[in-house]
Amino acid sequence: MNMPRVSPPEVKGWCPGAFTPMRSGDGLILRIRPHMGRLSREQVLGLCVAAQEHASGFIDLTNRANLQLRGVRDEAYDALLAALLKLDLLDPDPETERRRNMIVTPFWQTGDLTERLGLELISRLSELPDLPAKFGFAIDSGSAPVLGADSADIRVERTETGGVLVRADGTEWARAVDLDRAIGMVIELAHWFAENSDQDRRRMAQVVEHLPQDWRQELPAPSAPPGRAGPRGGGMMVGTAFGSCPAVALAELMRQSDARELILTPWRLFFLPGVTTLRRPGFITDPQDPLLRARACPGAPFCTSASVETRRIAAELAPRVSGDLHVSGCSKGCAHPRKADVTLVGVEGRFDLVRNGASWDDPVRRGLTPDELLSGVEPH
């Protein structure tokens, strides 16, 4: 594959790709979308080297089961792309990368339905219409759906009897389809969305009320809970604080555990098949660890939109908050664009407090200093 020559653009958007990085306070941010959510041992180790040589030295897990590198210097960008190409972690071109916005149920097996459907969708990306950057697909075709709480607009799921459904996000009903027509129906539903959306309605859930009745035929199988940190049949689910880990630590974890593969999930966890024990500090295998209930963006000074430090505050508050905690550097809420039990929003160097809401909701208190928060004034 000949790598297209792409210079670092001034891209602002929801999903920075490898070809379309976003500029932030610490340099360029780019996102890597491993095929079918999996990386071989060699890919992980190579990516860890690239992160140290060309970026901040950290690798982030995203809520769409992708990886993200921050702090990429302009002069290192082309070298980083070359490294990703060598590791087979680049799409052939920017258009393919943009269209391949999909997550798959993490625990698929070689030759199963999820792999078949996922690979078919990838092979037919050119048949999709132009779609908004946030628009995505979920191949959630295991025995029970596990991705229902994760961002996607068109979902492929199972019936209770093992049949295949295509479901528009925002409705519990779905359309039963023949297996060999499933991806064709996904593409048909994407075209329906393109014809019925506009600049103000850019997600399926915003237009689903107009969906024809033939897309509302049957219910999917009941959802299963998402994965939890700790041992799981045949391997180990591993978390990291705020979904971020030092590349050097991840590389050492792969070597010490002799893991042959790393499987990504949208839950800020990754799965190491065949691994039963871990010996590296900084990785979470206790499902009750309060850091797994805390979300925080990088904050200041790493993001130009943020006016507050975030992750230190979140780490200190997490054990004292009953429920989910979200510390956001600004009102955009990039780390957790939905409700949390406690949300702290940075505003001009202080924090507004939102209870049972998102970062853009009305706060119950304004102007709390970091010292006030850490001394226990709020937000128990």
Protein backbone atom coordinates (compact mmCIF):
# COMPACT_ATOMS: atom_id res chain seq x y z
CA MET A 1 0.00 0.00 0.00
CA ASN A 2 1.34 3.44 -0.92
CA MET A 3 0.80 5.82 1.97
CA PRO A 4 -0.92 9.03 0.90
CA ARG A 5 1.08 12.17 1.68
CA VAL A 6 -0.97 14.01 4.27
CA SER A 7 0.33 17.04 6.15
CA PRO A 8 -0.97 17.76 9.66
CA PRO A 9 -4.14 19.78 9.14
CA GLU A 10 -5.84 22.12 11.55
CA VAL A 11 -8.72 19.72 12.03
CA LYS A 12 -11.36 20.23 14.69
CA GLY A 13 -13.98 17.57 15.08
CA TRP A 14 -15.41 14.83 17.17
CA CYS A 15 -13.22 11.98 15.97
CA PRO A 16 -9.60 12.68 15.00
CA GLY A 17 -8.28 9.93 12.74
CA ALA A 18 -4.76 8.99 11.73
CA PHE A 19 -5.15 10.98 8.51
CA THR A 20 -7.13 13.79 10.14
CA PRO A 21 -5.46 14.66 13.45
CA MET A 22 -6.79 17.31 15.78
CA ARG A 23 -4.62 20.03 17.24
CA SER A 24 -4.65 20.47 21.00
CA GLY A 25 -2.60 22.19 23.66
CA ASP A 26 0.04 19.43 23.75
CA GLY A 27 0.30 18.86 20.01
CA LEU A 28 -1.65 16.74 17.54
CA ILE A 29 -4.13 14.06 18.60
CA LEU A 30 -4.81 11.13 16.32
CA ARG A 31 -6.96 8.04 16.64
CA ILE A 32 -6.09 4.52 15.52
CA ARG A 33 -8.84 2.10 14.57
CA PRO A 34 -7.48 -1.47 14.76
CA HIS A 35 -9.36 -3.80 12.42
CA MET A 36 -12.10 -5.70 14.26
CA GLY A 37 -10.84 -4.23 17.54
CA ARG A 38 -7.77 -6.45 17.87
CA LEU A 39 -4.01 -6.03 17.88
CA SER A 40 -1.38 -8.72 17.72
CA ARG A 41 1.48 -8.75 20.22
CA GLU A 42 3.80 -7.36 17.53
CA GLN A 43 1.38 -4.51 16.75
CA VAL A 44 1.05 -3.57 20.43
CA LEU A 45 4.80 -3.54 20.99
CA GLY A 46 5.40 -1.57 17.80
CA LEU A 47 2.72 0.95 18.72
CA CYS A 48 4.29 1.41 22.15
CA VAL A 49 7.60 2.26 20.50
CA ALA A 50 5.90 4.71 18.12
CA ALA A 51 4.05 6.40 21.02
CA GLN A 52 7.34 6.96 22.83
CA GLU A 53 9.27 8.15 19.79
CA HIS A 54 6.67 10.35 18.11
CA ALA A 55 3.97 11.23 20.71
CA SER A 56 3.53 11.85 24.43
CA GLY A 57 4.44 8.30 25.42
CA PHE A 58 0.87 7.49 26.51
CA ILE A 59 -1.78 5.41 24.77
CA ASP A 60 -5.46 6.12 25.46
CA LEU A 61 -8.44 3.80 25.14
CA THR A 62 -11.52 5.43 23.62
CA ASN A 63 -15.21 4.72 24.16
CA ARG A 64 -15.46 3.33 20.63
CA ALA A 65 -12.84 0.64 21.20
CA ASN A 66 -10.10 2.61 19.44
CA LEU A 67 -6.71 3.88 20.53
CA GLN A 68 -5.55 7.47 20.71
CA LEU A 69 -2.16 9.14 20.73
CA ARG A 70 -1.63 12.69 21.99
CA GLY A 71 1.24 15.11 21.92
CA VAL A 72 2.34 14.29 18.37
CA ARG A 73 4.78 16.93 17.12
CA ASP A 74 4.21 18.33 13.65
CA GLU A 75 7.66 17.28 12.53
CA ALA A 76 7.05 13.72 13.81
CA TYR A 77 3.67 13.25 12.15
CA ASP A 78 4.87 11.73 8.87
CA ALA A 79 7.22 9.37 10.70
CA LEU A 80 4.36 8.26 12.92
CA LEU A 81 2.16 7.54 9.89
CA ALA A 82 4.99 5.49 8.38
CA ALA A 83 5.27 3.50 11.61
CA LEU A 84 1.50 2.85 11.66
CA LEU A 85 1.65 1.75 8.02
CA LYS A 86 4.43 -0.71 8.80
CA LEU A 87 2.34 -2.12 11.66
CA ASP A 88 -0.72 -2.49 9.38
CA LEU A 89 -2.65 -0.02 11.54
CA LEU A 90 -3.58 2.39 8.74
CA ASP A 91 -6.48 2.28 6.31
CA PRO A 92 -5.65 2.58 2.61
CA ASP A 93 -6.83 6.19 2.43
CA PRO A 94 -8.58 8.89 4.51
CA GLU A 95 -12.02 8.14 3.03
CA THR A 96 -11.89 4.47 4.06
CA GLU A 97 -10.76 5.48 7.55
CA ARG A 98 -13.64 7.95 7.88
CA ARG A 99 -16.24 5.39 6.82
CA ARG A 100 -14.89 2.52 8.96
CA ASN A 101 -16.53 3.90 12.10
CA MET A 102 -17.63 0.66 13.73
CA ILE A 103 -17.35 -1.31 16.94
CA VAL A 104 -17.74 -5.05 17.29
CA THR A 105 -18.62 -7.22 20.25
CA PRO A 106 -15.17 -7.85 21.74
CA PHE A 107 -15.35 -11.59 22.29
CA TRP A 108 -15.88 -12.81 18.73
CA GLN A 109 -14.13 -15.92 17.56
CA THR A 110 -12.48 -16.64 14.24
CA GLY A 111 -15.06 -17.71 11.69
CA ASP A 112 -18.11 -16.70 13.73
CA LEU A 113 -21.01 -14.46 12.73
CA THR A 114 -19.47 -11.27 14.13
CA GLU A 115 -16.27 -11.70 12.15
CA ARG A 116 -18.21 -12.53 8.99
CA LEU A 117 -20.51 -9.50 9.29
CA GLY A 118 -17.74 -7.12 10.34
CA LEU A 119 -15.49 -8.06 7.44
CA GLU A 120 -18.38 -7.80 4.98
CA LEU A 121 -19.24 -4.30 6.20
CA ILE A 122 -15.60 -3.26 5.83
CA SER A 123 -15.52 -4.64 2.28
CA ARG A 124 -18.66 -2.66 1.38
CA LEU A 125 -17.84 0.71 2.94
CA SER A 126 -17.84 2.36 -0.48
CA GLU A 127 -21.59 1.64 -0.75
CA LEU A 128 -22.39 3.86 2.24
CA PRO A 129 -23.68 7.40 1.66
CA ASP A 130 -21.92 10.45 3.08
CA LEU A 131 -22.59 10.33 6.82
CA PRO A 132 -21.79 12.66 9.74
CA ALA A 133 -18.47 12.14 11.48
CA LYS A 134 -20.11 10.78 14.63
CA PHE A 135 -22.31 8.28 12.79
CA GLY A 136 -21.25 4.72 13.58
CA PHE A 137 -22.11 1.04 13.40
CA ALA A 138 -22.14 -1.74 16.01
CA ILE A 139 -21.81 -5.41 15.09
CA ASP A 140 -23.23 -6.72 18.37
CA SER A 141 -24.08 -10.20 17.16
CA GLY A 142 -22.90 -12.39 20.00
CA SER A 143 -25.41 -14.55 21.86
CA ALA A 144 -26.61 -11.42 23.70
CA PRO A 145 -26.01 -7.72 22.94
CA VAL A 146 -23.36 -6.05 25.11
CA LEU A 147 -22.90 -2.72 23.28
CA GLY A 148 -26.33 -1.18 23.86
CA ALA A 149 -24.97 1.61 26.06
CA ASP A 150 -22.14 2.40 23.65
CA SER A 151 -22.30 4.94 20.84
CA ALA A 152 -23.62 3.61 17.53
CA ASP A 153 -26.41 4.54 15.10
CA ILE A 154 -27.09 1.25 13.33
CA ARG A 155 -26.80 -2.00 15.25
CA VAL A 156 -26.70 -5.64 14.12
CA GLU A 157 -27.94 -7.91 16.91
CA ARG A 158 -29.45 -11.35 17.51
CA THR A 159 -32.97 -12.47 18.28
CA GLU A 160 -33.57 -14.73 21.26
CA THR A 161 -33.76 -17.67 18.85
CA GLY A 162 -30.48 -16.82 17.11
CA GLY A 163 -31.79 -14.87 14.12
CA VAL A 164 -30.24 -11.63 12.90
CA LEU A 165 -31.69 -8.13 13.39
CA VAL A 166 -30.79 -4.69 12.11
CA ARG A 167 -31.79 -2.01 14.62
CA ALA A 168 -31.84 1.76 14.37
CA ASP A 169 -30.46 3.35 17.51
CA GLY A 170 -33.16 5.06 19.55
CA THR A 171 -35.78 2.34 19.22
CA GLU A 172 -35.96 -1.02 20.97
CA TRP A 173 -37.56 -2.67 17.93
CA ALA A 174 -35.57 -4.01 15.00
CA ARG A 175 -35.97 -5.56 11.58
CA ALA A 176 -35.46 -9.30 11.18
CA VAL A 177 -33.23 -10.06 8.18
CA ASP A 178 -31.75 -13.04 6.41
CA LEU A 179 -28.11 -13.54 7.29
CA ASP A 180 -26.87 -13.07 3.74
CA ARG A 181 -28.77 -9.77 3.48
CA ALA A 182 -27.84 -8.29 6.86
CA ILE A 183 -25.09 -5.92 5.71
CA GLY A 184 -27.13 -4.95 2.67
CA MET A 185 -29.92 -3.89 5.03
CA VAL A 186 -27.42 -1.95 7.16
CA ILE A 187 -26.43 -0.03 4.04
CA GLU A 188 -30.09 0.51 3.12
CA LEU A 189 -30.83 1.93 6.58
CA ALA A 190 -27.79 4.21 6.31
CA HIS A 191 -29.17 5.59 3.04
CA TRP A 192 -32.57 6.14 4.69
CA PHE A 193 -30.83 8.13 7.41
CA ALA A 194 -28.91 10.23 4.88
CA GLU A 195 -32.18 11.12 3.16
CA ASN A 196 -33.96 12.03 6.40
CA SER A 197 -31.25 13.85 8.38
CA ASP A 198 -30.07 17.45 8.21
CA GLN A 199 -27.53 19.76 9.82
CA ASP A 200 -29.49 19.83 13.08
CA ARG A 201 -30.21 16.09 13.19
CA ARG A 202 -26.99 14.17 12.70
CA ARG A 203 -27.59 11.01 14.75
CA MET A 204 -30.05 8.20 14.14
CA ALA A 205 -31.83 8.68 17.47
CA GLN A 206 -32.81 12.20 16.35
CA VAL A 207 -34.76 10.97 13.31
CA VAL A 208 -35.85 7.49 14.40
CA GLU A 209 -39.42 8.62 15.11
CA HIS A 210 -39.90 8.83 11.33
CA LEU A 211 -38.60 5.30 10.72
CA PRO A 212 -40.93 3.15 8.55
CA GLN A 213 -42.77 0.39 10.36
CA ASP A 214 -40.97 -2.40 8.53
CA TRP A 215 -37.91 -1.52 10.63
CA ARG A 216 -39.92 -2.20 13.82
CA GLN A 217 -40.73 -5.90 13.65
CA GLU A 218 -38.99 -7.76 16.44
CA LEU A 219 -37.14 -7.33 19.73
CA PRO A 220 -33.48 -8.27 20.12
CA ALA A 221 -32.29 -10.76 22.71
CA PRO A 222 -32.03 -9.30 26.23
CA SER A 223 -28.79 -7.42 26.79
CA ALA A 224 -25.95 -8.87 28.80
CA PRO A 225 -23.91 -6.67 31.15
CA PRO A 226 -20.70 -5.19 29.73
CA GLY A 227 -17.36 -6.66 30.68
CA ARG A 228 -15.82 -6.11 34.12
CA ALA A 229 -12.22 -5.85 35.17
CA GLY A 230 -10.73 -9.11 36.37
CA PRO A 231 -10.58 -12.73 35.23
CA ARG A 232 -12.87 -13.70 32.40
CA GLY A 233 -13.16 -17.09 30.74
CA GLY A 234 -9.87 -17.69 29.01
CA GLY A 235 -8.14 -14.46 29.95
CA MET A 236 -8.04 -11.20 31.90
CA MET A 237 -9.97 -7.94 31.54
CA VAL A 238 -7.65 -5.05 32.39
CA GLY A 239 -8.44 -1.41 33.10
CA THR A 240 -6.38 1.76 33.28
CA ALA A 241 -7.09 4.97 35.17
CA PHE A 242 -9.03 7.31 32.86
CA GLY A 243 -8.39 4.93 29.97
CA SER A 244 -4.77 6.08 29.66
CA CYS A 245 -1.56 4.15 30.20
CA PRO A 246 2.17 4.74 29.65
CA ALA A 247 3.34 2.99 26.51
CA VAL A 248 6.41 1.66 28.30
CA ALA A 249 4.20 0.03 30.95
CA LEU A 250 1.89 -1.54 28.36
CA ALA A 251 4.86 -2.98 26.48
CA GLU A 252 6.25 -4.46 29.68
CA LEU A 253 2.82 -5.90 30.53
CA MET A 254 2.68 -7.66 27.16
CA ARG A 255 6.16 -9.10 27.67
CA GLN A 256 5.69 -10.19 31.28
CA SER A 257 2.31 -11.81 30.66
CA ASP A 258 3.41 -13.31 27.34
CA ALA A 259 0.10 -12.09 25.89
CA ARG A 260 -0.22 -12.86 22.19
CA GLU A 261 -3.11 -10.50 21.47
CA LEU A 262 -4.87 -7.43 22.88
CA ILE A 263 -8.62 -7.03 22.37
CA LEU A 264 -10.15 -3.59 22.75
CA THR A 265 -13.52 -2.82 24.34
CA PRO A 266 -15.55 0.42 24.58
CA TRP A 267 -15.49 0.19 28.39
CA ARG A 268 -11.95 1.53 29.03
CA LEU A 269 -10.89 -2.09 29.45
CA PHE A 270 -8.87 -4.40 27.25
CA PHE A 271 -8.87 -8.20 27.19
CA LEU A 272 -5.75 -10.35 27.20
CA PRO A 273 -6.67 -13.87 26.06
CA GLY A 274 -4.73 -16.63 27.80
CA VAL A 275 -3.51 -14.38 30.64
CA THR A 276 -4.51 -15.34 34.19
CA THR A 277 -2.20 -13.21 36.36
CA LEU A 278 -0.71 -9.72 36.07
CA ARG A 279 2.45 -8.42 37.73
CA ARG A 280 2.55 -4.81 36.54
CA PRO A 281 1.44 -1.92 38.78
CA GLY A 282 -0.83 0.73 37.30
CA PHE A 283 -3.29 -1.67 35.67
CA ILE A 284 -6.69 -2.39 37.23
CA THR A 285 -8.11 -5.88 37.65
CA ASP A 286 -10.36 -5.21 40.64
CA PRO A 287 -13.89 -4.45 39.37
CA GLN A 288 -14.57 -2.43 42.55
CA ASP A 289 -11.65 -0.05 42.05
CA PRO A 290 -13.16 3.47 42.35
CA LEU A 291 -11.01 4.71 39.46
CA LEU A 292 -13.16 2.63 37.12
CA ARG A 293 -16.11 4.86 38.12
CA ALA A 294 -14.20 8.08 37.42
CA ARG A 295 -13.85 9.76 34.04
CA ALA A 296 -11.74 12.78 33.26
CA CYS A 297 -10.39 14.40 30.11
CA PRO A 298 -6.70 15.43 30.02
CA GLY A 299 -7.66 18.96 31.13
CA ALA A 300 -5.28 21.91 31.33
CA PRO A 301 -2.64 22.49 30.08
CA PHE A 302 -3.02 19.66 27.57
CA CYS A 303 -6.30 20.87 26.06
CA THR A 304 -6.75 24.50 25.01
CA SER A 305 -10.47 24.36 25.88
CA ALA A 306 -9.77 23.46 29.52
CA SER A 307 -9.04 25.92 32.31
CA VAL A 308 -8.57 23.38 35.13
CA GLU A 309 -6.49 20.37 36.01
CA THR A 310 -8.76 17.32 35.91
CA ARG A 311 -7.23 13.91 36.46
CA ARG A 312 -5.49 14.62 39.76
CA ILE A 313 -8.78 15.99 41.11
CA ALA A 314 -10.71 12.97 39.81
CA ALA A 315 -8.23 10.47 41.26
CA GLU A 316 -8.44 12.05 44.72
CA LEU A 317 -12.23 12.41 44.69
CA ALA A 318 -13.13 9.01 43.21
CA PRO A 319 -12.93 7.03 46.50
CA ARG A 320 -15.14 9.67 48.20
CA VAL A 321 -17.93 9.77 45.60
CA SER A 322 -20.74 7.24 45.76
CA GLY A 323 -21.52 6.60 42.13
CA ASP A 324 -20.01 7.75 38.85
CA LEU A 325 -17.73 10.80 38.78
CA HIS A 326 -16.96 12.93 35.72
CA VAL A 327 -14.42 15.74 35.86
CA SER A 328 -14.50 17.78 32.66
CA GLY A 329 -12.10 20.54 31.71
CA CYS A 330 -14.92 22.40 29.94
CA SER A 331 -18.62 22.08 29.18
CA LYS A 332 -18.10 19.87 26.12
CA GLY A 333 -17.71 16.77 28.27
CA CYS A 334 -15.49 14.87 25.83
CA ALA A 335 -14.55 12.14 28.31
CA HIS A 336 -18.17 11.30 29.15
CA PRO A 337 -20.82 12.97 26.97
CA ARG A 338 -23.73 11.78 29.10
CA LYS A 339 -25.03 11.95 32.66
CA ALA A 340 -23.02 11.03 35.74
CA ASP A 341 -23.98 11.01 39.41
CA VAL A 342 -21.47 13.80 40.02
CA THR A 343 -20.10 16.01 37.25
CA LEU A 344 -17.55 18.76 37.79
CA VAL A 345 -17.08 21.26 34.97
CA GLY A 346 -14.13 23.59 34.66
CA VAL A 347 -15.02 27.26 34.25
CA GLU A 348 -12.32 29.94 34.40
CA GLY A 349 -10.08 27.97 36.74
CA ARG A 350 -12.86 26.80 39.08
CA PHE A 351 -15.50 24.08 39.02
CA ASP A 352 -19.26 24.03 38.64
CA LEU A 353 -21.03 21.07 40.23
CA VAL A 354 -23.77 19.16 38.39
CA ARG A 355 -25.64 16.35 40.11
CA ASN A 356 -27.16 13.52 38.07
CA GLY A 357 -26.48 15.37 34.85
CA ALA A 358 -24.05 16.04 32.02
CA SER A 359 -21.39 18.71 31.71
CA TRP A 360 -23.71 21.06 29.82
CA ASP A 361 -26.56 20.84 32.36
CA ASP A 362 -27.34 23.50 34.96
CA PRO A 363 -25.09 23.24 38.03
CA VAL A 364 -26.27 23.20 41.63
CA ARG A 365 -23.13 25.07 42.72
CA ARG A 366 -20.71 27.31 40.88
CA GLY A 367 -17.17 28.52 41.36
CA LEU A 368 -15.75 25.78 43.62
CA THR A 369 -11.97 25.90 43.87
CA PRO A 370 -9.85 22.73 43.67
CA ASP A 371 -8.86 23.21 47.31
CA GLU A 372 -12.52 23.39 48.36
CA LEU A 373 -13.30 20.19 46.49
CA LEU A 374 -10.35 18.29 47.92
CA SER A 375 -11.03 19.52 51.45
CA GLY A 376 -14.49 18.00 51.36
CA VAL A 377 -16.76 21.01 50.71
CA GLU A 378 -18.40 19.04 47.90
CA PRO A 379 -19.38 16.73 46.15
CA HIS A 380 -20.21 13.64 48.31
